[in-house]
PDB file of N, CA and C in Angstrom:
ATOM      1  N   UNK A   1       2.574  -6.488  77.341  1.00  0.00           N
ATOM      2  CA  UNK A   1       1.449  -6.415  78.261  1.00  0.00           C
ATOM      3  C   UNK A   1       1.767  -7.200  79.526  1.00  0.00           C
ATOM      4  N   UNK A   2       1.150  -6.830  80.579  1.00  0.00           N
ATOM      5  CA  UNK A   2       1.433  -7.434  81.870  1.00  0.00           C
ATOM      6  C   UNK A   2       0.469  -8.569  82.195  1.00  0.00           C
ATOM      7  N   UNK A   3       0.850  -9.777  81.833  1.00  0.00           N
ATOM      8  CA  UNK A   3       0.099 -10.985  82.192  1.00  0.00           C
ATOM      9  C   UNK A   3      -1.404 -10.894  81.958  1.00  0.00           C
ATOM     10  N   UNK A   4      -1.797 -10.326  80.842  1.00  0.00           N
ATOM     11  CA  UNK A   4      -3.216 -10.271  80.513  1.00  0.00           C
ATOM     12  C   UNK A   4      -4.010  -9.253  81.312  1.00  0.00           C
ATOM     13  N   UNK A   5      -3.344  -8.428  82.098  1.00  0.00           N
ATOM     14  CA  UNK A   5      -4.069  -7.465  82.927  1.00  0.00           C
ATOM     15  C   UNK A   5      -4.895  -6.500  82.084  1.00  0.00           C
ATOM     16  N   UNK A   6      -4.338  -6.095  80.935  1.00  0.00           N
ATOM     17  CA  UNK A   6      -5.094  -5.180  80.083  1.00  0.00           C
ATOM     18  C   UNK A   6      -6.360  -5.856  79.566  1.00  0.00           C
ATOM     19  N   UNK A   7      -6.243  -7.105  79.136  1.00  0.00           N
ATOM     20  CA  UNK A   7      -7.391  -7.843  78.607  1.00  0.00           C
ATOM     21  C   UNK A   7      -8.479  -7.999  79.666  1.00  0.00           C
ATOM     22  N   UNK A   8      -8.088  -8.350  80.884  1.00  0.00           N
ATOM     23  CA  UNK A   8      -9.056  -8.506  81.964  1.00  0.00           C
ATOM     24  C   UNK A   8      -9.757  -7.179  82.249  1.00  0.00           C
ATOM     25  N   UNK A   9      -8.985  -6.115  82.273  1.00  0.00           N
ATOM     26  CA  UNK A   9      -9.548  -4.804  82.541  1.00  0.00           C
ATOM     27  C   UNK A   9     -10.516  -4.408  81.425  1.00  0.00           C
ATOM     28  N   UNK A  10     -10.166  -4.722  80.196  1.00  0.00           N
ATOM     29  CA  UNK A  10     -11.044  -4.403  79.079  1.00  0.00           C
ATOM     30  C   UNK A  10     -12.356  -5.170  79.186  1.00  0.00           C
ATOM     31  N   UNK A  11     -12.295  -6.451  79.525  1.00  0.00           N
ATOM     32  CA  UNK A  11     -13.519  -7.238  79.706  1.00  0.00           C
ATOM     33  C   UNK A  11     -14.423  -6.600  80.751  1.00  0.00           C
ATOM     34  N   UNK A  12     -13.829  -6.191  81.858  1.00  0.00           N
ATOM     35  CA  UNK A  12     -14.603  -5.561  82.934  1.00  0.00           C
ATOM     36  C   UNK A  12     -15.190  -4.231  82.464  1.00  0.00           C
ATOM     37  N   UNK A  13     -14.391  -3.440  81.768  1.00  0.00           N
ATOM     38  CA  UNK A  13     -14.857  -2.144  81.262  1.00  0.00           C
ATOM     39  C   UNK A  13     -15.993  -2.334  80.261  1.00  0.00           C
ATOM     40  N   UNK A  14     -15.846  -3.286  79.343  1.00  0.00           N
ATOM     41  CA  UNK A  14     -16.888  -3.536  78.349  1.00  0.00           C
ATOM     42  C   UNK A  14     -18.184  -3.964  79.031  1.00  0.00           C
ATOM     43  N   UNK A  15     -18.078  -4.792  80.047  1.00  0.00           N
ATOM     44  CA  UNK A  15     -19.271  -5.227  80.770  1.00  0.00           C
ATOM     45  C   UNK A  15     -19.966  -4.040  81.446  1.00  0.00           C
ATOM     46  N   UNK A  16     -19.190  -3.135  82.020  1.00  0.00           N
ATOM     47  CA  UNK A  16     -19.765  -1.937  82.651  1.00  0.00           C
ATOM     48  C   UNK A  16     -20.475  -1.065  81.622  1.00  0.00           C
ATOM     49  N   UNK A  17     -19.854  -0.907  80.460  1.00  0.00           N
ATOM     50  CA  UNK A  17     -20.453  -0.105  79.398  1.00  0.00           C
ATOM     51  C   UNK A  17     -21.772  -0.731  78.951  1.00  0.00           C
ATOM     52  N   UNK A  18     -21.740  -2.043  78.705  1.00  0.00           N
ATOM     53  CA  UNK A  18     -22.959  -2.736  78.265  1.00  0.00           C
ATOM     54  C   UNK A  18     -24.065  -2.599  79.298  1.00  0.00           C
ATOM     55  N   UNK A  19     -23.738  -2.747  80.555  1.00  0.00           N
ATOM     56  CA  UNK A  19     -24.738  -2.626  81.624  1.00  0.00           C
ATOM     57  C   UNK A  19     -25.348  -1.225  81.641  1.00  0.00           C
ATOM     58  N   UNK A  20     -24.508  -0.204  81.482  1.00  0.00           N
ATOM     59  CA  UNK A  20     -25.002   1.176  81.492  1.00  0.00           C
ATOM     60  C   UNK A  20     -25.945   1.413  80.312  1.00  0.00           C
ATOM     61  N   UNK A  21     -25.572   0.915  79.143  1.00  0.00           N
ATOM     62  CA  UNK A  21     -26.420   1.093  77.953  1.00  0.00           C
ATOM     63  C   UNK A  21     -27.740   0.347  78.132  1.00  0.00           C
ATOM     64  N   UNK A  22     -27.671  -0.892  78.599  1.00  0.00           N
ATOM     65  CA  UNK A  22     -28.880  -1.692  78.778  1.00  0.00           C
ATOM     66  C   UNK A  22     -29.833  -1.068  79.792  1.00  0.00           C
ATOM     67  N   UNK A  23     -29.295  -0.365  80.778  1.00  0.00           N
ATOM     68  CA  UNK A  23     -30.122   0.234  81.827  1.00  0.00           C
ATOM     69  C   UNK A  23     -30.719   1.590  81.416  1.00  0.00           C
ATOM     70  N   UNK A  24     -30.264   2.150  80.329  1.00  0.00           N
ATOM     71  CA  UNK A  24     -30.724   3.483  79.897  1.00  0.00           C
ATOM     72  C   UNK A  24     -32.100   3.378  79.257  1.00  0.00           C
ATOM     73  N   UNK A  25     -33.124   3.794  79.989  1.00  0.00           N
ATOM     74  CA  UNK A  25     -34.483   3.646  79.480  1.00  0.00           C
ATOM     75  C   UNK A  25     -34.865   4.697  78.445  1.00  0.00           C
ATOM     76  N   UNK A  26     -34.047   5.728  78.241  1.00  0.00           N
ATOM     77  CA  UNK A  26     -34.338   6.733  77.216  1.00  0.00           C
ATOM     78  C   UNK A  26     -33.786   6.340  75.844  1.00  0.00           C
ATOM     79  N   UNK A  27     -33.085   5.206  75.764  1.00  0.00           N
ATOM     80  CA  UNK A  27     -32.570   4.710  74.481  1.00  0.00           C
ATOM     81  C   UNK A  27     -33.484   3.580  74.023  1.00  0.00           C
ATOM     82  N   UNK A  28     -33.945   3.662  72.779  1.00  0.00           N
ATOM     83  CA  UNK A  28     -34.858   2.643  72.255  1.00  0.00           C
ATOM     84  C   UNK A  28     -34.150   1.283  72.174  1.00  0.00           C
ATOM     85  N   UNK A  29     -34.916   0.181  72.239  1.00  0.00           N
ATOM     86  CA  UNK A  29     -34.306  -1.150  72.125  1.00  0.00           C
ATOM     87  C   UNK A  29     -33.500  -1.319  70.839  1.00  0.00           C
ATOM     88  N   UNK A  30     -33.977  -0.740  69.748  1.00  0.00           N
ATOM     89  CA  UNK A  30     -33.252  -0.844  68.476  1.00  0.00           C
ATOM     90  C   UNK A  30     -31.904  -0.141  68.555  1.00  0.00           C
ATOM     91  N   UNK A  31     -31.893   1.061  69.138  1.00  0.00           N
ATOM     92  CA  UNK A  31     -30.649   1.819  69.263  1.00  0.00           C
ATOM     93  C   UNK A  31     -29.704   1.144  70.258  1.00  0.00           C
ATOM     94  N   UNK A  32     -30.255   0.555  71.307  1.00  0.00           N
ATOM     95  CA  UNK A  32     -29.401  -0.185  72.249  1.00  0.00           C
ATOM     96  C   UNK A  32     -28.701  -1.334  71.534  1.00  0.00           C
ATOM     97  N   UNK A  33     -29.453  -2.067  70.721  1.00  0.00           N
ATOM     98  CA  UNK A  33     -28.879  -3.187  69.971  1.00  0.00           C
ATOM     99  C   UNK A  33     -27.775  -2.695  69.051  1.00  0.00           C
ATOM    100  N   UNK A  34     -28.031  -1.588  68.357  1.00  0.00           N
ATOM    101  CA  UNK A  34     -27.039  -1.024  67.443  1.00  0.00           C
ATOM    102  C   UNK A  34     -25.781  -0.577  68.199  1.00  0.00           C
ATOM    103  N   UNK A  35     -25.986   0.097  69.319  1.00  0.00           N
ATOM    104  CA  UNK A  35     -24.859   0.576  70.121  1.00  0.00           C
ATOM    105  C   UNK A  35     -24.057  -0.587  70.701  1.00  0.00           C
ATOM    106  N   UNK A  36     -24.740  -1.600  71.207  1.00  0.00           N
ATOM    107  CA  UNK A  36     -24.048  -2.758  71.768  1.00  0.00           C
ATOM    108  C   UNK A  36     -23.276  -3.520  70.694  1.00  0.00           C
ATOM    109  N   UNK A  37     -23.816  -3.554  69.479  1.00  0.00           N
ATOM    110  CA  UNK A  37     -23.123  -4.240  68.382  1.00  0.00           C
ATOM    111  C   UNK A  37     -21.813  -3.533  68.036  1.00  0.00           C
ATOM    112  N   UNK A  38     -21.856  -2.215  67.991  1.00  0.00           N
ATOM    113  CA  UNK A  38     -20.623  -1.488  67.672  1.00  0.00           C
ATOM    114  C   UNK A  38     -19.638  -1.565  68.844  1.00  0.00           C
ATOM    115  N   UNK A  39     -20.140  -1.591  70.063  1.00  0.00           N
ATOM    116  CA  UNK A  39     -19.256  -1.728  71.225  1.00  0.00           C
ATOM    117  C   UNK A  39     -18.559  -3.090  71.255  1.00  0.00           C
ATOM    118  N   UNK A  40     -19.191  -4.091  70.654  1.00  0.00           N
ATOM    119  CA  UNK A  40     -18.575  -5.422  70.596  1.00  0.00           C
ATOM    120  C   UNK A  40     -17.277  -5.399  69.784  1.00  0.00           C
ATOM    121  N   UNK A  41     -17.147  -4.398  68.938  1.00  0.00           N
ATOM    122  CA  UNK A  41     -15.933  -4.252  68.125  1.00  0.00           C
ATOM    123  C   UNK A  41     -14.810  -3.575  68.905  1.00  0.00           C
ATOM    124  N   UNK A  42     -15.131  -3.075  70.075  1.00  0.00           N
ATOM    125  CA  UNK A  42     -14.162  -2.345  70.891  1.00  0.00           C
ATOM    126  C   UNK A  42     -12.948  -3.183  71.264  1.00  0.00           C
ATOM    127  N   UNK A  43     -13.179  -4.340  71.809  1.00  0.00           N
ATOM    128  CA  UNK A  43     -12.069  -5.119  72.346  1.00  0.00           C
ATOM    129  C   UNK A  43     -11.011  -5.458  71.300  1.00  0.00           C
ATOM    130  N   UNK A  44     -11.373  -6.034  70.143  1.00  0.00           N
ATOM    131  CA  UNK A  44     -10.314  -6.348  69.180  1.00  0.00           C
ATOM    132  C   UNK A  44      -9.596  -5.110  68.641  1.00  0.00           C
ATOM    133  N   UNK A  45     -10.329  -4.017  68.457  1.00  0.00           N
ATOM    134  CA  UNK A  45      -9.705  -2.798  67.929  1.00  0.00           C
ATOM    135  C   UNK A  45      -8.705  -2.225  68.922  1.00  0.00           C
ATOM    136  N   UNK A  46      -9.081  -2.197  70.188  1.00  0.00           N
ATOM    137  CA  UNK A  46      -8.191  -1.641  71.202  1.00  0.00           C
ATOM    138  C   UNK A  46      -7.065  -2.625  71.536  1.00  0.00           C
ATOM    139  N   UNK A  47      -7.345  -3.909  71.489  1.00  0.00           N
ATOM    140  CA  UNK A  47      -6.300  -4.911  71.750  1.00  0.00           C
ATOM    141  C   UNK A  47      -5.163  -4.787  70.738  1.00  0.00           C
ATOM    142  N   UNK A  48      -5.514  -4.430  69.511  1.00  0.00           N
ATOM    143  CA  UNK A  48      -4.497  -4.247  68.478  1.00  0.00           C
ATOM    144  C   UNK A  48      -3.566  -3.086  68.838  1.00  0.00           C
ATOM    145  N   UNK A  49      -4.133  -2.003  69.329  1.00  0.00           N
ATOM    146  CA  UNK A  49      -3.330  -0.858  69.749  1.00  0.00           C
ATOM    147  C   UNK A  49      -2.499  -1.216  70.975  1.00  0.00           C
ATOM    148  N   UNK A  50      -3.076  -1.983  71.889  1.00  0.00           N
ATOM    149  CA  UNK A  50      -2.394  -2.349  73.126  1.00  0.00           C
ATOM    150  C   UNK A  50      -1.114  -3.141  72.871  1.00  0.00           C
ATOM    151  N   UNK A  51      -1.031  -3.815  71.741  1.00  0.00           N
ATOM    152  CA  UNK A  51       0.181  -4.575  71.418  1.00  0.00           C
ATOM    153  C   UNK A  51       1.402  -3.670  71.312  1.00  0.00           C
ATOM    154  N   UNK A  52       1.185  -2.432  70.892  1.00  0.00           N
ATOM    155  CA  UNK A  52       2.309  -1.507  70.752  1.00  0.00           C
ATOM    156  C   UNK A  52       2.275  -0.381  71.783  1.00  0.00           C
ATOM    157  N   UNK A  53       1.093  -0.057  72.300  1.00  0.00           N
ATOM    158  CA  UNK A  53       0.997   1.026  73.270  1.00  0.00           C
ATOM    159  C   UNK A  53      -0.162   0.788  74.227  1.00  0.00           C
ATOM    160  N   UNK A  54       0.141   0.117  75.322  1.00  0.00           N
ATOM    161  CA  UNK A  54      -0.896  -0.181  76.306  1.00  0.00           C
ATOM    162  C   UNK A  54      -1.478   1.098  76.908  1.00  0.00           C
ATOM    163  N   UNK A  55      -0.640   2.104  77.100  1.00  0.00           N
ATOM    164  CA  UNK A  55      -1.102   3.370  77.680  1.00  0.00           C
ATOM    165  C   UNK A  55      -2.122   4.054  76.768  1.00  0.00           C
ATOM    166  N   UNK A  56      -1.836   4.095  75.472  1.00  0.00           N
ATOM    167  CA  UNK A  56      -2.770   4.693  74.514  1.00  0.00           C
ATOM    168  C   UNK A  56      -4.073   3.895  74.454  1.00  0.00           C
ATOM    169  N   UNK A  57      -3.951   2.577  74.468  1.00  0.00           N
ATOM    170  CA  UNK A  57      -5.141   1.722  74.427  1.00  0.00           C
ATOM    171  C   UNK A  57      -6.022   1.978  75.650  1.00  0.00           C
ATOM    172  N   UNK A  58      -5.399   2.141  76.796  1.00  0.00           N
ATOM    173  CA  UNK A  58      -6.137   2.431  78.032  1.00  0.00           C
ATOM    174  C   UNK A  58      -6.852   3.770  77.917  1.00  0.00           C
ATOM    175  N   UNK A  59      -6.185   4.765  77.379  1.00  0.00           N
ATOM    176  CA  UNK A  59      -6.772   6.088  77.213  1.00  0.00           C
ATOM    177  C   UNK A  59      -7.987   6.030  76.284  1.00  0.00           C
ATOM    178  N   UNK A  60      -7.846   5.340  75.173  1.00  0.00           N
ATOM    179  CA  UNK A  60      -8.947   5.225  74.209  1.00  0.00           C
ATOM    180  C   UNK A  60     -10.134   4.514  74.848  1.00  0.00           C
ATOM    181  N   UNK A  61      -9.878   3.426  75.551  1.00  0.00           N
ATOM    182  CA  UNK A  61     -10.999   2.693  76.164  1.00  0.00           C
ATOM    183  C   UNK A  61     -11.675   3.525  77.255  1.00  0.00           C
ATOM    184  N   UNK A  62     -10.914   4.379  77.950  1.00  0.00           N
ATOM    185  CA  UNK A  62     -11.530   5.271  78.951  1.00  0.00           C
ATOM    186  C   UNK A  62     -12.477   6.260  78.288  1.00  0.00           C
ATOM    187  N   UNK A  63     -12.069   6.806  77.122  1.00  0.00           N
ATOM    188  CA  UNK A  63     -12.939   7.749  76.412  1.00  0.00           C
ATOM    189  C   UNK A  63     -14.206   7.062  75.907  1.00  0.00           C
ATOM    190  N   UNK A  64     -14.066   5.828  75.438  1.00  0.00           N
ATOM    191  CA  UNK A  64     -15.244   5.078  74.978  1.00  0.00           C
ATOM    192  C   UNK A  64     -16.189   4.854  76.157  1.00  0.00           C
ATOM    193  N   UNK A  65     -15.617   4.435  77.283  1.00  0.00           N
ATOM    194  CA  UNK A  65     -16.442   4.196  78.468  1.00  0.00           C
ATOM    195  C   UNK A  65     -17.128   5.488  78.915  1.00  0.00           C
ATOM    196  N   UNK A  66     -16.393   6.579  78.948  1.00  0.00           N
ATOM    197  CA  UNK A  66     -16.971   7.855  79.383  1.00  0.00           C
ATOM    198  C   UNK A  66     -18.102   8.290  78.459  1.00  0.00           C
ATOM    199  N   UNK A  67     -17.905   8.155  77.155  1.00  0.00           N
ATOM    200  CA  UNK A  67     -18.953   8.584  76.228  1.00  0.00           C
ATOM    201  C   UNK A  67     -20.191   7.698  76.348  1.00  0.00           C
ATOM    202  N   UNK A  68     -19.995   6.400  76.519  1.00  0.00           N
ATOM    203  CA  UNK A  68     -21.139   5.495  76.680  1.00  0.00           C
ATOM    204  C   UNK A  68     -21.907   5.818  77.957  1.00  0.00           C
ATOM    205  N   UNK A  69     -21.182   6.108  79.027  1.00  0.00           N
ATOM    206  CA  UNK A  69     -21.862   6.456  80.284  1.00  0.00           C
ATOM    207  C   UNK A  69     -22.590   7.789  80.172  1.00  0.00           C
ATOM    208  N   UNK A  70     -21.991   8.741  79.456  1.00  0.00           N
ATOM    209  CA  UNK A  70     -22.666  10.024  79.239  1.00  0.00           C
ATOM    210  C   UNK A  70     -23.971   9.810  78.482  1.00  0.00           C
ATOM    211  N   UNK A  71     -23.922   9.005  77.431  1.00  0.00           N
ATOM    212  CA  UNK A  71     -25.118   8.725  76.628  1.00  0.00           C
ATOM    213  C   UNK A  71     -26.164   8.007  77.470  1.00  0.00           C
ATOM    214  N   UNK A  72     -25.724   7.039  78.262  1.00  0.00           N
ATOM    215  CA  UNK A  72     -26.649   6.227  79.047  1.00  0.00           C
ATOM    216  C   UNK A  72     -27.294   7.015  80.184  1.00  0.00           C
ATOM    217  N   UNK A  73     -26.583   7.984  80.724  1.00  0.00           N
ATOM    218  CA  UNK A  73     -27.108   8.658  81.905  1.00  0.00           C
ATOM    219  C   UNK A  73     -27.506  10.111  81.676  1.00  0.00           C
ATOM    220  N   UNK A  74     -27.144  10.685  80.550  1.00  0.00           N
ATOM    221  CA  UNK A  74     -27.295  12.122  80.385  1.00  0.00           C
ATOM    222  C   UNK A  74     -28.028  12.521  79.127  1.00  0.00           C
ATOM    223  N   UNK A  75     -29.249  12.122  78.976  1.00  0.00           N
ATOM    224  CA  UNK A  75     -29.972  12.497  77.757  1.00  0.00           C
ATOM    225  C   UNK A  75     -30.195  14.004  77.661  1.00  0.00           C
ATOM    226  N   UNK A  76     -30.039  14.707  78.767  1.00  0.00           N
ATOM    227  CA  UNK A  76     -30.286  16.144  78.796  1.00  0.00           C
ATOM    228  C   UNK A  76     -29.069  16.968  78.394  1.00  0.00           C
ATOM    229  N   UNK A  77     -27.868  16.368  78.358  1.00  0.00           N
ATOM    230  CA  UNK A  77     -26.657  17.159  78.140  1.00  0.00           C
ATOM    231  C   UNK A  77     -25.808  16.611  76.990  1.00  0.00           C
ATOM    232  N   UNK A  78     -26.267  16.757  75.760  1.00  0.00           N
ATOM    233  CA  UNK A  78     -25.500  16.225  74.628  1.00  0.00           C
ATOM    234  C   UNK A  78     -24.123  16.867  74.475  1.00  0.00           C
ATOM    235  N   UNK A  79     -23.945  18.098  74.975  1.00  0.00           N
ATOM    236  CA  UNK A  79     -22.631  18.741  74.823  1.00  0.00           C
ATOM    237  C   UNK A  79     -21.544  17.985  75.591  1.00  0.00           C
ATOM    238  N   UNK A  80     -21.885  17.351  76.700  1.00  0.00           N
ATOM    239  CA  UNK A  80     -20.879  16.582  77.433  1.00  0.00           C
ATOM    240  C   UNK A  80     -20.480  15.331  76.657  1.00  0.00           C
ATOM    241  N   UNK A  81     -21.422  14.736  75.941  1.00  0.00           N
ATOM    242  CA  UNK A  81     -21.117  13.578  75.093  1.00  0.00           C
ATOM    243  C   UNK A  81     -20.237  14.031  73.934  1.00  0.00           C
ATOM    244  N   UNK A  82     -20.586  15.155  73.324  1.00  0.00           N
ATOM    245  CA  UNK A  82     -19.795  15.678  72.210  1.00  0.00           C
ATOM    246  C   UNK A  82     -18.352  15.945  72.636  1.00  0.00           C
ATOM    247  N   UNK A  83     -18.165  16.463  73.830  1.00  0.00           N
ATOM    248  CA  UNK A  83     -16.828  16.767  74.342  1.00  0.00           C
ATOM    249  C   UNK A  83     -16.005  15.486  74.480  1.00  0.00           C
ATOM    250  N   UNK A  84     -16.606  14.447  75.048  1.00  0.00           N
ATOM    251  CA  UNK A  84     -15.898  13.179  75.223  1.00  0.00           C
ATOM    252  C   UNK A  84     -15.611  12.533  73.870  1.00  0.00           C
ATOM    253  N   UNK A  85     -16.581  12.573  72.961  1.00  0.00           N
ATOM    254  CA  UNK A  85     -16.364  12.009  71.624  1.00  0.00           C
ATOM    255  C   UNK A  85     -15.240  12.737  70.893  1.00  0.00           C
ATOM    256  N   UNK A  86     -15.162  14.037  71.049  1.00  0.00           N
ATOM    257  CA  UNK A  86     -14.091  14.804  70.417  1.00  0.00           C
ATOM    258  C   UNK A  86     -12.732  14.327  70.945  1.00  0.00           C
ATOM    259  N   UNK A  87     -12.636  14.127  72.244  1.00  0.00           N
ATOM    260  CA  UNK A  87     -11.381  13.637  72.840  1.00  0.00           C
ATOM    261  C   UNK A  87     -11.052  12.235  72.333  1.00  0.00           C
ATOM    262  N   UNK A  88     -12.073  11.400  72.195  1.00  0.00           N
ATOM    263  CA  UNK A  88     -11.875  10.055  71.670  1.00  0.00           C
ATOM    264  C   UNK A  88     -11.324  10.121  70.249  1.00  0.00           C
ATOM    265  N   UNK A  89     -11.942  10.939  69.412  1.00  0.00           N
ATOM    266  CA  UNK A  89     -11.490  11.066  68.027  1.00  0.00           C
ATOM    267  C   UNK A  89     -10.052  11.577  67.968  1.00  0.00           C
ATOM    268  N   UNK A  90      -9.718  12.546  68.802  1.00  0.00           N
ATOM    269  CA  UNK A  90      -8.347  13.065  68.849  1.00  0.00           C
ATOM    270  C   UNK A  90      -7.368  11.968  69.263  1.00  0.00           C
ATOM    271  N   UNK A  91      -7.774  11.136  70.205  1.00  0.00           N
ATOM    272  CA  UNK A  91      -6.857  10.109  70.715  1.00  0.00           C
ATOM    273  C   UNK A  91      -6.559   9.024  69.693  1.00  0.00           C
ATOM    274  N   UNK A  92      -7.431   8.828  68.696  1.00  0.00           N
ATOM    275  CA  UNK A  92      -7.181   7.794  67.689  1.00  0.00           C
ATOM    276  C   UNK A  92      -6.606   8.341  66.380  1.00  0.00           C
ATOM    277  N   UNK A  93      -6.588   9.661  66.227  1.00  0.00           N
ATOM    278  CA  UNK A  93      -6.096  10.246  64.974  1.00  0.00           C
ATOM    279  C   UNK A  93      -4.707   9.737  64.604  1.00  0.00           C
ATOM    280  N   UNK A  94      -3.821   9.640  65.581  1.00  0.00           N
ATOM    281  CA  UNK A  94      -2.447   9.230  65.281  1.00  0.00           C
ATOM    282  C   UNK A  94      -2.343   7.762  64.871  1.00  0.00           C
ATOM    283  N   UNK A  95      -3.413   6.999  65.067  1.00  0.00           N
ATOM    284  CA  UNK A  95      -3.408   5.579  64.711  1.00  0.00           C
ATOM    285  C   UNK A  95      -4.124   5.303  63.391  1.00  0.00           C
ATOM    286  N   UNK A  96      -4.530   6.356  62.710  1.00  0.00           N
ATOM    287  CA  UNK A  96      -5.338   6.184  61.499  1.00  0.00           C
ATOM    288  C   UNK A  96      -4.666   5.272  60.472  1.00  0.00           C
ATOM    289  N   UNK A  97      -3.373   5.471  60.231  1.00  0.00           N
ATOM    290  CA  UNK A  97      -2.656   4.657  59.244  1.00  0.00           C
ATOM    291  C   UNK A  97      -2.294   3.280  59.791  1.00  0.00           C
ATOM    292  N   UNK A  98      -1.834   3.224  61.033  1.00  0.00           N
ATOM    293  CA  UNK A  98      -1.350   1.957  61.580  1.00  0.00           C
ATOM    294  C   UNK A  98      -2.455   1.049  62.110  1.00  0.00           C
ATOM    295  N   UNK A  99      -3.596   1.608  62.488  1.00  0.00           N
ATOM    296  CA  UNK A  99      -4.704   0.819  63.048  1.00  0.00           C
ATOM    297  C   UNK A  99      -6.034   1.258  62.436  1.00  0.00           C
ATOM    298  N   UNK A 100      -6.236   0.970  61.150  1.00  0.00           N
ATOM    299  CA  UNK A 100      -7.473   1.413  60.491  1.00  0.00           C
ATOM    300  C   UNK A 100      -8.736   0.825  61.126  1.00  0.00           C
ATOM    301  N   UNK A 101      -8.636  -0.356  61.727  1.00  0.00           N
ATOM    302  CA  UNK A 101      -9.802  -0.969  62.385  1.00  0.00           C
ATOM    303  C   UNK A 101     -10.276  -0.094  63.543  1.00  0.00           C
ATOM    304  N   UNK A 102      -9.347   0.449  64.294  1.00  0.00           N
ATOM    305  CA  UNK A 102      -9.702   1.317  65.414  1.00  0.00           C
ATOM    306  C   UNK A 102     -10.362   2.594  64.908  1.00  0.00           C
ATOM    307  N   UNK A 103      -9.806   3.180  63.876  1.00  0.00           N
ATOM    308  CA  UNK A 103     -10.378   4.391  63.300  1.00  0.00           C
ATOM    309  C   UNK A 103     -11.794   4.118  62.793  1.00  0.00           C
ATOM    310  N   UNK A 104     -11.982   2.986  62.136  1.00  0.00           N
ATOM    311  CA  UNK A 104     -13.309   2.615  61.636  1.00  0.00           C
ATOM    312  C   UNK A 104     -14.286   2.426  62.797  1.00  0.00           C
ATOM    313  N   UNK A 105     -13.830   1.809  63.876  1.00  0.00           N
ATOM    314  CA  UNK A 105     -14.674   1.618  65.049  1.00  0.00           C
ATOM    315  C   UNK A 105     -15.135   2.967  65.603  1.00  0.00           C
ATOM    316  N   UNK A 106     -14.195   3.893  65.783  1.00  0.00           N
ATOM    317  CA  UNK A 106     -14.536   5.198  66.360  1.00  0.00           C
ATOM    318  C   UNK A 106     -15.494   5.959  65.445  1.00  0.00           C
ATOM    319  N   UNK A 107     -15.287   5.877  64.144  1.00  0.00           N
ATOM    320  CA  UNK A 107     -16.191   6.535  63.193  1.00  0.00           C
ATOM    321  C   UNK A 107     -17.598   5.941  63.290  1.00  0.00           C
ATOM    322  N   UNK A 108     -17.691   4.622  63.312  1.00  0.00           N
ATOM    323  CA  UNK A 108     -18.989   3.957  63.419  1.00  0.00           C
ATOM    324  C   UNK A 108     -19.661   4.256  64.758  1.00  0.00           C
ATOM    325  N   UNK A 109     -18.879   4.195  65.816  1.00  0.00           N
ATOM    326  CA  UNK A 109     -19.386   4.477  67.160  1.00  0.00           C
ATOM    327  C   UNK A 109     -19.951   5.899  67.239  1.00  0.00           C
ATOM    328  N   UNK A 110     -19.217   6.856  66.700  1.00  0.00           N
ATOM    329  CA  UNK A 110     -19.678   8.245  66.698  1.00  0.00           C
ATOM    330  C   UNK A 110     -20.968   8.398  65.903  1.00  0.00           C
ATOM    331  N   UNK A 111     -21.050   7.683  64.771  1.00  0.00           N
ATOM    332  CA  UNK A 111     -22.260   7.746  63.945  1.00  0.00           C
ATOM    333  C   UNK A 111     -23.464   7.190  64.694  1.00  0.00           C
ATOM    334  N   UNK A 112     -23.266   6.094  65.423  1.00  0.00           N
ATOM    335  CA  UNK A 112     -24.367   5.517  66.208  1.00  0.00           C
ATOM    336  C   UNK A 112     -24.812   6.497  67.288  1.00  0.00           C
ATOM    337  N   UNK A 113     -23.864   7.113  67.982  1.00  0.00           N
ATOM    338  CA  UNK A 113     -24.229   8.086  69.014  1.00  0.00           C
ATOM    339  C   UNK A 113     -24.944   9.286  68.392  1.00  0.00           C
ATOM    340  N   UNK A 114     -24.505   9.705  67.219  1.00  0.00           N
ATOM    341  CA  UNK A 114     -25.186  10.799  66.526  1.00  0.00           C
ATOM    342  C   UNK A 114     -26.612  10.420  66.182  1.00  0.00           C
ATOM    343  N   UNK A 115     -26.820   9.158  65.859  1.00  0.00           N
ATOM    344  CA  UNK A 115     -28.163   8.645  65.553  1.00  0.00           C
ATOM    345  C   UNK A 115     -29.081   8.657  66.764  1.00  0.00           C
ATOM    346  N   UNK A 116     -28.496   8.772  67.934  1.00  0.00           N
ATOM    347  CA  UNK A 116     -29.290   8.863  69.162  1.00  0.00           C
ATOM    348  C   UNK A 116     -29.737  10.306  69.420  1.00  0.00           C
ATOM    349  N   UNK A 117     -29.351  11.198  68.511  1.00  0.00           N
ATOM    350  CA  UNK A 117     -29.737  12.591  68.667  1.00  0.00           C
ATOM    351  C   UNK A 117     -28.685  13.416  69.361  1.00  0.00           C
ATOM    352  N   UNK A 118     -27.459  12.923  69.351  1.00  0.00           N
ATOM    353  CA  UNK A 118     -26.361  13.622  70.064  1.00  0.00           C
ATOM    354  C   UNK A 118     -25.486  14.335  69.053  1.00  0.00           C
TER     355      UNK A 118
END
């Protein structure tokens, strides 16, 4: 990794995601809490992947950010969220054996988004 640049970028990305979720008035406070709790697992799961593939870790975190922003801003278009989630799931499939924590995070994250009616 390049002098912690990935870690700094992840912190900034996570903060943007949290802000978008917190600002979404169509998501109930309970669901926001649940979504934010699962997002808190993002950094360690992706940091583990970044140790061996920073490019893949960046791609996965972009899909997480995109799906969170879709959920936060697009209650009318669940198909766009489904499309991003599908790409996210595809991007972690190859890490299922080597990074089970990441796979578990994506599964839990998808379940929470599904609980939002997506």
